[in-house]
Amino acid sequence: MNTVNSAFQEVLFSYTFDALMTSIHAESAYVAVSVGSAVPSADKPLSAIIITDDEASFVRAALSKAHTAMLTRLSAYLANQPAADEDVYAIQLFLPERRKAEYDTLIMKELQRAFVAYVLARWYEHKLPEVALQQQNIYEEAVANTMHNIFMLYGGMRRRDCYF
């Protein structure tokens, strides 16, 4: 963490491909179980809707797009981004120096949730459109929660008390 000035510091949130792939696999397996017997048939077995290591190239492409989309959405709070790496997805933010550590954990979990939901939304687009829509909503909610948490760290809006 580099201190920019006395009020803010750069905080790096990074996720490895392997950790994200594990979360994506687990979440897609959960979705497959929750969809249950409504989907499986001779042409669509349950295993066809679970993301495995065989789809690593698809997942890498989707994670790259998710990373770019999230950098765009969080642009107001971005610090200098580290060099791009194929196996690490990093987002560096300016956050107030005086904050509770729980906020960092909360932001980290929401960003991971956004990465996973974005990949799953792309994965289910043509397989299960209603699940894809749910995952897209989860992605949007995770990014909005991240932005809200960061905004709250900045102290929110201050309005004058005088209305006349």
N, C-alpha and C. Protein backbone atom coordinates (compact mmCIF):
# COMPACT_ATOMS: atom_id res chain seq x y z
N MET A 1 0.83 -1.17 0.00
CA MET A 1 0.00 0.00 0.00
C MET A 1 0.88 1.24 0.00
N ASN A 2 0.73 2.05 -1.00
CA ASN A 2 1.46 3.30 -1.10
C ASN A 2 0.60 4.43 -0.58
N THR A 3 1.18 5.28 0.23
CA THR A 3 0.45 6.43 0.72
C THR A 3 0.59 7.56 -0.27
N VAL A 4 -0.54 8.04 -0.80
CA VAL A 4 -0.53 9.12 -1.78
C VAL A 4 -0.43 10.45 -1.07
N ASN A 5 -1.27 10.68 -0.11
CA ASN A 5 -1.18 11.84 0.77
C ASN A 5 -1.68 11.40 2.13
N SER A 6 -1.85 12.32 3.04
CA SER A 6 -2.21 11.93 4.39
C SER A 6 -3.63 11.39 4.52
N ALA A 7 -4.47 11.59 3.50
CA ALA A 7 -5.87 11.20 3.64
C ALA A 7 -6.22 9.92 2.91
N PHE A 8 -5.47 9.55 1.88
CA PHE A 8 -5.83 8.39 1.06
C PHE A 8 -4.63 7.48 0.87
N GLN A 9 -4.93 6.23 0.56
CA GLN A 9 -3.89 5.27 0.23
C GLN A 9 -4.39 4.34 -0.87
N GLU A 10 -3.45 3.78 -1.59
CA GLU A 10 -3.78 2.84 -2.65
C GLU A 10 -3.92 1.45 -2.04
N VAL A 11 -5.04 0.79 -2.31
CA VAL A 11 -5.28 -0.54 -1.78
C VAL A 11 -5.49 -1.48 -2.97
N LEU A 12 -4.74 -2.57 -2.97
CA LEU A 12 -4.79 -3.52 -4.07
C LEU A 12 -5.66 -4.71 -3.70
N PHE A 13 -6.63 -4.99 -4.57
CA PHE A 13 -7.48 -6.18 -4.44
C PHE A 13 -7.12 -7.08 -5.62
N SER A 14 -6.54 -8.24 -5.35
CA SER A 14 -6.13 -9.11 -6.45
C SER A 14 -6.69 -10.51 -6.24
N TYR A 15 -6.98 -11.15 -7.37
CA TYR A 15 -7.59 -12.48 -7.38
C TYR A 15 -6.85 -13.34 -8.39
N THR A 16 -6.45 -14.52 -7.98
CA THR A 16 -5.76 -15.42 -8.90
C THR A 16 -6.79 -16.16 -9.74
N PHE A 17 -6.36 -16.58 -10.91
CA PHE A 17 -7.23 -17.33 -11.79
C PHE A 17 -7.71 -18.61 -11.11
N ASP A 18 -6.79 -19.30 -10.43
CA ASP A 18 -7.15 -20.57 -9.79
C ASP A 18 -8.22 -20.38 -8.71
N ALA A 19 -8.08 -19.33 -7.90
CA ALA A 19 -9.08 -19.07 -6.85
C ALA A 19 -10.43 -18.73 -7.46
N LEU A 20 -10.42 -17.89 -8.50
CA LEU A 20 -11.68 -17.54 -9.16
C LEU A 20 -12.28 -18.76 -9.85
N MET A 21 -11.45 -19.59 -10.46
CA MET A 21 -11.96 -20.78 -11.14
C MET A 21 -12.60 -21.74 -10.14
N THR A 22 -12.02 -21.87 -8.97
CA THR A 22 -12.61 -22.71 -7.93
C THR A 22 -13.98 -22.19 -7.52
N SER A 23 -14.09 -20.87 -7.34
CA SER A 23 -15.38 -20.27 -6.98
C SER A 23 -16.40 -20.41 -8.10
N ILE A 24 -15.96 -20.24 -9.34
CA ILE A 24 -16.85 -20.36 -10.48
C ILE A 24 -17.36 -21.79 -10.62
N HIS A 25 -16.47 -22.75 -10.45
CA HIS A 25 -16.86 -24.16 -10.53
C HIS A 25 -17.87 -24.50 -9.43
N ALA A 26 -17.59 -24.05 -8.22
CA ALA A 26 -18.50 -24.34 -7.10
C ALA A 26 -19.87 -23.70 -7.32
N GLU A 27 -19.88 -22.46 -7.77
CA GLU A 27 -21.15 -21.77 -7.99
C GLU A 27 -21.94 -22.39 -9.13
N SER A 28 -21.25 -22.80 -10.20
CA SER A 28 -21.97 -23.42 -11.32
C SER A 28 -22.52 -24.80 -10.92
N ALA A 29 -21.81 -25.51 -10.05
CA ALA A 29 -22.32 -26.78 -9.55
C ALA A 29 -23.55 -26.55 -8.68
N TYR A 30 -23.51 -25.50 -7.88
CA TYR A 30 -24.66 -25.14 -7.06
C TYR A 30 -25.87 -24.80 -7.94
N VAL A 31 -25.64 -24.03 -9.00
CA VAL A 31 -26.72 -23.68 -9.92
C VAL A 31 -27.28 -24.93 -10.57
N ALA A 32 -26.41 -25.86 -10.97
CA ALA A 32 -26.85 -27.10 -11.60
C ALA A 32 -27.74 -27.91 -10.67
N VAL A 33 -27.38 -27.96 -9.41
CA VAL A 33 -28.19 -28.69 -8.43
C VAL A 33 -29.51 -27.98 -8.19
N SER A 34 -29.47 -26.64 -8.12
CA SER A 34 -30.70 -25.90 -7.86
C SER A 34 -31.66 -25.95 -9.03
N VAL A 35 -31.12 -26.02 -10.25
CA VAL A 35 -31.99 -26.15 -11.42
C VAL A 35 -32.63 -27.53 -11.40
N GLY A 36 -31.88 -28.51 -10.95
CA GLY A 36 -32.40 -29.85 -10.72
C GLY A 36 -32.93 -30.56 -11.94
N SER A 37 -34.04 -31.19 -11.76
CA SER A 37 -34.59 -32.06 -12.80
C SER A 37 -35.32 -31.30 -13.91
N ALA A 38 -35.40 -29.99 -13.80
CA ALA A 38 -36.07 -29.23 -14.85
C ALA A 38 -35.24 -29.18 -16.13
N VAL A 39 -33.93 -29.30 -16.02
CA VAL A 39 -33.06 -29.13 -17.18
C VAL A 39 -32.60 -30.45 -17.81
N PRO A 40 -32.17 -31.45 -17.02
CA PRO A 40 -31.53 -32.60 -17.64
C PRO A 40 -32.44 -33.34 -18.62
N SER A 41 -31.86 -33.67 -19.71
CA SER A 41 -32.51 -34.48 -20.72
C SER A 41 -31.40 -35.15 -21.51
N ALA A 42 -31.75 -35.87 -22.53
CA ALA A 42 -30.75 -36.57 -23.32
C ALA A 42 -29.80 -35.60 -24.00
N ASP A 43 -30.32 -34.44 -24.44
CA ASP A 43 -29.46 -33.48 -25.14
C ASP A 43 -28.83 -32.45 -24.20
N LYS A 44 -29.31 -32.32 -22.94
CA LYS A 44 -28.74 -31.37 -21.98
C LYS A 44 -28.53 -32.03 -20.62
N PRO A 45 -27.45 -32.79 -20.46
CA PRO A 45 -27.20 -33.36 -19.13
C PRO A 45 -26.74 -32.27 -18.16
N LEU A 46 -26.87 -32.56 -16.86
CA LEU A 46 -26.46 -31.60 -15.84
C LEU A 46 -24.99 -31.21 -15.98
N SER A 47 -24.16 -32.16 -16.37
CA SER A 47 -22.73 -31.86 -16.49
C SER A 47 -22.44 -30.81 -17.55
N ALA A 48 -23.36 -30.59 -18.48
CA ALA A 48 -23.15 -29.59 -19.53
C ALA A 48 -23.32 -28.17 -19.03
N ILE A 49 -23.90 -28.00 -17.84
CA ILE A 49 -24.08 -26.63 -17.34
C ILE A 49 -23.13 -26.31 -16.19
N ILE A 50 -22.23 -27.23 -15.86
CA ILE A 50 -21.23 -26.99 -14.83
C ILE A 50 -19.92 -26.61 -15.51
N ILE A 51 -19.30 -25.54 -15.07
CA ILE A 51 -18.02 -25.11 -15.63
C ILE A 51 -16.90 -25.93 -15.00
N THR A 52 -16.09 -26.54 -15.86
CA THR A 52 -14.95 -27.34 -15.41
C THR A 52 -13.65 -26.73 -15.94
N ASP A 53 -12.55 -27.37 -15.62
CA ASP A 53 -11.24 -26.88 -16.08
C ASP A 53 -11.11 -26.92 -17.60
N ASP A 54 -11.94 -27.70 -18.27
CA ASP A 54 -11.90 -27.76 -19.73
C ASP A 54 -12.30 -26.43 -20.37
N GLU A 55 -13.05 -25.63 -19.66
CA GLU A 55 -13.51 -24.35 -20.19
C GLU A 55 -12.62 -23.19 -19.74
N ALA A 56 -11.36 -23.47 -19.43
CA ALA A 56 -10.45 -22.44 -18.90
C ALA A 56 -10.29 -21.28 -19.88
N SER A 57 -10.23 -21.55 -21.17
CA SER A 57 -10.05 -20.45 -22.13
C SER A 57 -11.28 -19.53 -22.15
N PHE A 58 -12.47 -20.13 -22.06
CA PHE A 58 -13.70 -19.32 -21.98
C PHE A 58 -13.69 -18.47 -20.71
N VAL A 59 -13.32 -19.09 -19.59
CA VAL A 59 -13.32 -18.39 -18.30
C VAL A 59 -12.31 -17.26 -18.31
N ARG A 60 -11.12 -17.48 -18.87
CA ARG A 60 -10.11 -16.42 -18.95
C ARG A 60 -10.62 -15.23 -19.76
N ALA A 61 -11.25 -15.51 -20.89
CA ALA A 61 -11.79 -14.43 -21.72
C ALA A 61 -12.88 -13.66 -20.98
N ALA A 62 -13.77 -14.39 -20.31
CA ALA A 62 -14.86 -13.74 -19.57
C ALA A 62 -14.32 -12.94 -18.38
N LEU A 63 -13.32 -13.48 -17.69
CA LEU A 63 -12.73 -12.74 -16.57
C LEU A 63 -12.04 -11.47 -17.04
N SER A 64 -11.40 -11.53 -18.20
CA SER A 64 -10.77 -10.34 -18.75
C SER A 64 -11.82 -9.27 -19.06
N LYS A 65 -12.95 -9.67 -19.64
CA LYS A 65 -14.03 -8.72 -19.92
C LYS A 65 -14.63 -8.18 -18.62
N ALA A 66 -14.79 -9.05 -17.63
CA ALA A 66 -15.32 -8.62 -16.34
C ALA A 66 -14.39 -7.60 -15.70
N HIS A 67 -13.10 -7.86 -15.77
CA HIS A 67 -12.10 -6.96 -15.20
C HIS A 67 -12.18 -5.58 -15.86
N THR A 68 -12.26 -5.57 -17.17
CA THR A 68 -12.37 -4.31 -17.91
C THR A 68 -13.67 -3.58 -17.55
N ALA A 69 -14.77 -4.31 -17.47
CA ALA A 69 -16.06 -3.70 -17.14
C ALA A 69 -16.04 -3.11 -15.73
N MET A 70 -15.43 -3.82 -14.79
CA MET A 70 -15.39 -3.31 -13.42
C MET A 70 -14.46 -2.12 -13.29
N LEU A 71 -13.35 -2.11 -14.03
CA LEU A 71 -12.46 -0.95 -14.01
C LEU A 71 -13.19 0.29 -14.53
N THR A 72 -14.02 0.10 -15.54
CA THR A 72 -14.79 1.21 -16.08
C THR A 72 -15.79 1.73 -15.05
N ARG A 73 -16.49 0.82 -14.39
CA ARG A 73 -17.50 1.23 -13.41
C ARG A 73 -16.88 1.89 -12.18
N LEU A 74 -15.68 1.46 -11.80
CA LEU A 74 -15.03 1.98 -10.59
C LEU A 74 -14.01 3.07 -10.90
N SER A 75 -14.07 3.64 -12.08
CA SER A 75 -13.03 4.57 -12.55
C SER A 75 -12.84 5.78 -11.63
N ALA A 76 -13.87 6.21 -10.94
CA ALA A 76 -13.74 7.39 -10.07
C ALA A 76 -12.84 7.12 -8.87
N TYR A 77 -12.64 5.85 -8.52
CA TYR A 77 -11.88 5.51 -7.32
C TYR A 77 -10.58 4.76 -7.65
N LEU A 78 -10.23 4.66 -8.92
CA LEU A 78 -9.06 3.88 -9.32
C LEU A 78 -7.76 4.59 -9.04
N ALA A 79 -6.78 3.81 -8.61
CA ALA A 79 -5.40 4.26 -8.51
C ALA A 79 -4.66 3.71 -9.73
N ASN A 80 -3.37 3.89 -9.79
CA ASN A 80 -2.60 3.32 -10.88
C ASN A 80 -2.72 1.80 -10.85
N GLN A 81 -3.12 1.23 -11.97
CA GLN A 81 -3.33 -0.21 -12.03
C GLN A 81 -2.02 -0.94 -12.26
N PRO A 82 -1.83 -2.08 -11.59
CA PRO A 82 -0.62 -2.86 -11.81
C PRO A 82 -0.60 -3.44 -13.23
N ALA A 83 0.55 -3.87 -13.66
CA ALA A 83 0.68 -4.44 -15.00
C ALA A 83 -0.25 -5.65 -15.14
N ALA A 84 -0.84 -5.79 -16.32
CA ALA A 84 -1.77 -6.89 -16.58
C ALA A 84 -1.04 -8.23 -16.50
N ASP A 85 -1.71 -9.21 -15.95
CA ASP A 85 -1.17 -10.56 -15.83
C ASP A 85 -2.29 -11.52 -16.18
N GLU A 86 -1.95 -12.59 -16.89
CA GLU A 86 -2.96 -13.54 -17.33
C GLU A 86 -3.57 -14.33 -16.17
N ASP A 87 -2.80 -14.51 -15.10
CA ASP A 87 -3.28 -15.33 -13.98
C ASP A 87 -3.71 -14.52 -12.76
N VAL A 88 -3.59 -13.20 -12.80
CA VAL A 88 -3.98 -12.37 -11.67
C VAL A 88 -4.84 -11.22 -12.19
N TYR A 89 -5.99 -11.04 -11.57
CA TYR A 89 -6.89 -9.94 -11.90
C TYR A 89 -6.89 -9.00 -10.71
N ALA A 90 -6.35 -7.80 -10.93
CA ALA A 90 -6.14 -6.87 -9.82
C ALA A 90 -6.86 -5.55 -10.08
N ILE A 91 -7.38 -5.00 -8.99
CA ILE A 91 -8.01 -3.68 -9.02
C ILE A 91 -7.42 -2.90 -7.86
N GLN A 92 -6.82 -1.75 -8.18
CA GLN A 92 -6.20 -0.92 -7.16
C GLN A 92 -7.03 0.34 -6.99
N LEU A 93 -7.47 0.60 -5.77
CA LEU A 93 -8.38 1.71 -5.48
C LEU A 93 -7.75 2.69 -4.51
N PHE A 94 -8.15 3.97 -4.62
CA PHE A 94 -7.83 4.96 -3.60
C PHE A 94 -8.90 4.87 -2.54
N LEU A 95 -8.49 4.58 -1.33
CA LEU A 95 -9.44 4.52 -0.21
C LEU A 95 -8.92 5.42 0.91
N PRO A 96 -9.84 5.96 1.70
CA PRO A 96 -9.40 6.78 2.83
C PRO A 96 -8.48 5.99 3.76
N GLU A 97 -7.47 6.66 4.25
CA GLU A 97 -6.50 6.00 5.12
C GLU A 97 -7.14 5.54 6.43
N ARG A 98 -8.04 6.35 6.94
CA ARG A 98 -8.71 6.01 8.20
C ARG A 98 -10.01 5.29 7.88
N ARG A 99 -9.98 3.97 7.98
CA ARG A 99 -11.16 3.14 7.72
C ARG A 99 -11.02 1.86 8.51
N LYS A 100 -12.13 1.20 8.72
CA LYS A 100 -12.09 -0.08 9.40
C LYS A 100 -11.63 -1.16 8.43
N ALA A 101 -10.92 -2.13 8.93
CA ALA A 101 -10.40 -3.23 8.09
C ALA A 101 -11.54 -4.05 7.49
N GLU A 102 -12.69 -4.04 8.14
CA GLU A 102 -13.83 -4.80 7.63
C GLU A 102 -14.27 -4.31 6.25
N TYR A 103 -14.06 -3.02 5.97
CA TYR A 103 -14.44 -2.50 4.66
C TYR A 103 -13.61 -3.13 3.55
N ASP A 104 -12.32 -3.33 3.81
CA ASP A 104 -11.47 -3.97 2.81
C ASP A 104 -11.96 -5.39 2.52
N THR A 105 -12.29 -6.11 3.57
CA THR A 105 -12.80 -7.48 3.40
C THR A 105 -14.12 -7.48 2.65
N LEU A 106 -14.99 -6.55 2.99
CA LEU A 106 -16.29 -6.45 2.34
C LEU A 106 -16.15 -6.13 0.86
N ILE A 107 -15.30 -5.18 0.54
CA ILE A 107 -15.06 -4.82 -0.86
C ILE A 107 -14.45 -5.99 -1.62
N MET A 108 -13.50 -6.68 -0.99
CA MET A 108 -12.85 -7.82 -1.63
C MET A 108 -13.87 -8.92 -1.97
N LYS A 109 -14.77 -9.21 -1.05
CA LYS A 109 -15.77 -10.25 -1.29
C LYS A 109 -16.76 -9.84 -2.38
N GLU A 110 -17.15 -8.59 -2.39
CA GLU A 110 -18.09 -8.12 -3.41
C GLU A 110 -17.45 -8.14 -4.80
N LEU A 111 -16.18 -7.76 -4.89
CA LEU A 111 -15.50 -7.81 -6.18
C LEU A 111 -15.37 -9.25 -6.69
N GLN A 112 -15.06 -10.17 -5.78
CA GLN A 112 -14.98 -11.58 -6.19
C GLN A 112 -16.35 -12.08 -6.64
N ARG A 113 -17.37 -11.71 -5.91
CA ARG A 113 -18.74 -12.09 -6.29
C ARG A 113 -19.10 -11.54 -7.67
N ALA A 114 -18.64 -10.33 -7.96
CA ALA A 114 -18.90 -9.74 -9.27
C ALA A 114 -18.18 -10.51 -10.38
N PHE A 115 -16.91 -10.87 -10.15
CA PHE A 115 -16.18 -11.65 -11.14
C PHE A 115 -16.89 -12.97 -11.45
N VAL A 116 -17.28 -13.69 -10.41
CA VAL A 116 -17.92 -14.99 -10.57
C VAL A 116 -19.26 -14.85 -11.29
N ALA A 117 -20.07 -13.90 -10.87
CA ALA A 117 -21.39 -13.72 -11.47
C ALA A 117 -21.29 -13.31 -12.94
N TYR A 118 -20.31 -12.48 -13.28
CA TYR A 118 -20.14 -12.06 -14.67
C TYR A 118 -19.83 -13.26 -15.56
N VAL A 119 -18.92 -14.11 -15.12
CA VAL A 119 -18.56 -15.30 -15.91
C VAL A 119 -19.77 -16.21 -16.06
N LEU A 120 -20.49 -16.43 -14.97
CA LEU A 120 -21.66 -17.32 -15.04
C LEU A 120 -22.76 -16.74 -15.92
N ALA A 121 -22.93 -15.44 -15.90
CA ALA A 121 -23.94 -14.82 -16.77
C ALA A 121 -23.61 -15.08 -18.24
N ARG A 122 -22.32 -14.98 -18.59
CA ARG A 122 -21.93 -15.25 -19.97
C ARG A 122 -22.06 -16.75 -20.29
N TRP A 123 -21.77 -17.60 -19.32
CA TRP A 123 -21.82 -19.05 -19.53
C TRP A 123 -23.24 -19.54 -19.79
N TYR A 124 -24.19 -18.98 -19.07
CA TYR A 124 -25.58 -19.46 -19.16
C TYR A 124 -26.42 -18.70 -20.20
N GLU A 125 -25.83 -17.75 -20.93
CA GLU A 125 -26.60 -16.95 -21.88
C GLU A 125 -27.43 -17.79 -22.84
N HIS A 126 -26.84 -18.82 -23.41
CA HIS A 126 -27.56 -19.63 -24.40
C HIS A 126 -28.05 -20.95 -23.83
N LYS A 127 -27.55 -21.33 -22.67
CA LYS A 127 -27.96 -22.59 -22.05
C LYS A 127 -29.22 -22.43 -21.21
N LEU A 128 -29.20 -21.45 -20.33
CA LEU A 128 -30.31 -21.17 -19.41
C LEU A 128 -30.49 -19.65 -19.29
N PRO A 129 -31.24 -19.05 -20.19
CA PRO A 129 -31.36 -17.58 -20.20
C PRO A 129 -31.86 -16.98 -18.89
N GLU A 130 -32.78 -17.65 -18.20
CA GLU A 130 -33.29 -17.09 -16.95
C GLU A 130 -32.21 -17.11 -15.86
N VAL A 131 -31.37 -18.13 -15.84
CA VAL A 131 -30.26 -18.18 -14.88
C VAL A 131 -29.23 -17.12 -15.25
N ALA A 132 -28.99 -16.92 -16.55
CA ALA A 132 -28.06 -15.88 -17.00
C ALA A 132 -28.53 -14.51 -16.52
N LEU A 133 -29.82 -14.26 -16.60
CA LEU A 133 -30.36 -12.99 -16.14
C LEU A 133 -30.17 -12.82 -14.63
N GLN A 134 -30.39 -13.90 -13.87
CA GLN A 134 -30.17 -13.85 -12.43
C GLN A 134 -28.71 -13.54 -12.12
N GLN A 135 -27.80 -14.19 -12.83
CA GLN A 135 -26.37 -13.96 -12.60
C GLN A 135 -25.96 -12.54 -12.99
N GLN A 136 -26.55 -12.02 -14.06
CA GLN A 136 -26.27 -10.64 -14.45
C GLN A 136 -26.75 -9.67 -13.38
N ASN A 137 -27.90 -9.95 -12.79
CA ASN A 137 -28.41 -9.12 -11.70
C ASN A 137 -27.49 -9.20 -10.47
N ILE A 138 -26.96 -10.39 -10.19
CA ILE A 138 -26.02 -10.55 -9.07
C ILE A 138 -24.76 -9.74 -9.34
N TYR A 139 -24.28 -9.77 -10.58
CA TYR A 139 -23.10 -8.98 -10.96
C TYR A 139 -23.36 -7.49 -10.73
N GLU A 140 -24.48 -7.01 -11.25
CA GLU A 140 -24.82 -5.59 -11.10
C GLU A 140 -24.93 -5.20 -9.63
N GLU A 141 -25.55 -6.07 -8.84
CA GLU A 141 -25.71 -5.80 -7.41
C GLU A 141 -24.36 -5.77 -6.70
N ALA A 142 -23.46 -6.68 -7.05
CA ALA A 142 -22.15 -6.73 -6.41
C ALA A 142 -21.33 -5.47 -6.72
N VAL A 143 -21.37 -5.02 -7.96
CA VAL A 143 -20.63 -3.80 -8.33
C VAL A 143 -21.27 -2.60 -7.66
N ALA A 144 -22.59 -2.54 -7.62
CA ALA A 144 -23.28 -1.42 -6.96
C ALA A 144 -22.96 -1.42 -5.46
N ASN A 145 -22.93 -2.59 -4.84
CA ASN A 145 -22.58 -2.66 -3.41
C ASN A 145 -21.15 -2.20 -3.17
N THR A 146 -20.25 -2.58 -4.08
CA THR A 146 -18.86 -2.14 -3.96
C THR A 146 -18.77 -0.63 -4.04
N MET A 147 -19.45 -0.06 -5.03
CA MET A 147 -19.42 1.40 -5.18
C MET A 147 -20.06 2.09 -3.97
N HIS A 148 -21.12 1.52 -3.46
CA HIS A 148 -21.78 2.09 -2.28
C HIS A 148 -20.84 2.07 -1.07
N ASN A 149 -20.17 0.93 -0.87
CA ASN A 149 -19.25 0.82 0.27
C ASN A 149 -18.10 1.81 0.16
N ILE A 150 -17.57 1.97 -1.03
CA ILE A 150 -16.49 2.94 -1.23
C ILE A 150 -17.01 4.35 -0.99
N PHE A 151 -18.20 4.65 -1.53
CA PHE A 151 -18.80 5.97 -1.34
C PHE A 151 -18.99 6.27 0.14
N MET A 152 -19.42 5.28 0.90
CA MET A 152 -19.63 5.49 2.34
C MET A 152 -18.31 5.73 3.06
N LEU A 153 -17.23 5.14 2.56
CA LEU A 153 -15.91 5.40 3.16
C LEU A 153 -15.49 6.86 2.96
N TYR A 154 -15.92 7.43 1.84
CA TYR A 154 -15.58 8.81 1.55
C TYR A 154 -16.44 9.78 2.37
N GLY A 155 -17.39 9.28 3.11
CA GLY A 155 -18.17 10.13 4.00
C GLY A 155 -19.52 10.56 3.47
N GLY A 156 -19.89 10.11 2.29
CA GLY A 156 -21.19 10.47 1.76
C GLY A 156 -21.26 11.93 1.38
N MET A 157 -22.45 12.39 1.07
CA MET A 157 -22.67 13.78 0.67
C MET A 157 -22.93 14.64 1.89
N ARG A 158 -22.42 15.83 1.84
CA ARG A 158 -22.68 16.81 2.90
C ARG A 158 -23.51 17.93 2.30
N ARG A 159 -24.64 18.18 2.91
CA ARG A 159 -25.51 19.27 2.45
C ARG A 159 -25.59 20.33 3.54
N ARG A 160 -25.82 21.54 3.10
CA ARG A 160 -25.96 22.63 4.07
C ARG A 160 -27.25 22.47 4.85
N ASP A 161 -27.26 22.99 6.04
CA ASP A 161 -28.46 22.92 6.88
C ASP A 161 -29.44 24.04 6.57
N CYS A 162 -28.98 25.08 5.97
CA CYS A 162 -29.82 26.24 5.71
C CYS A 162 -30.60 26.03 4.41
N TYR A 163 -31.93 26.13 4.50
CA TYR A 163 -32.77 25.89 3.33
C TYR A 163 -33.37 27.18 2.77
N PHE A 164 -33.00 28.32 3.29
CA PHE A 164 -33.56 29.57 2.79
C PHE A 164 -32.50 30.54 2.38
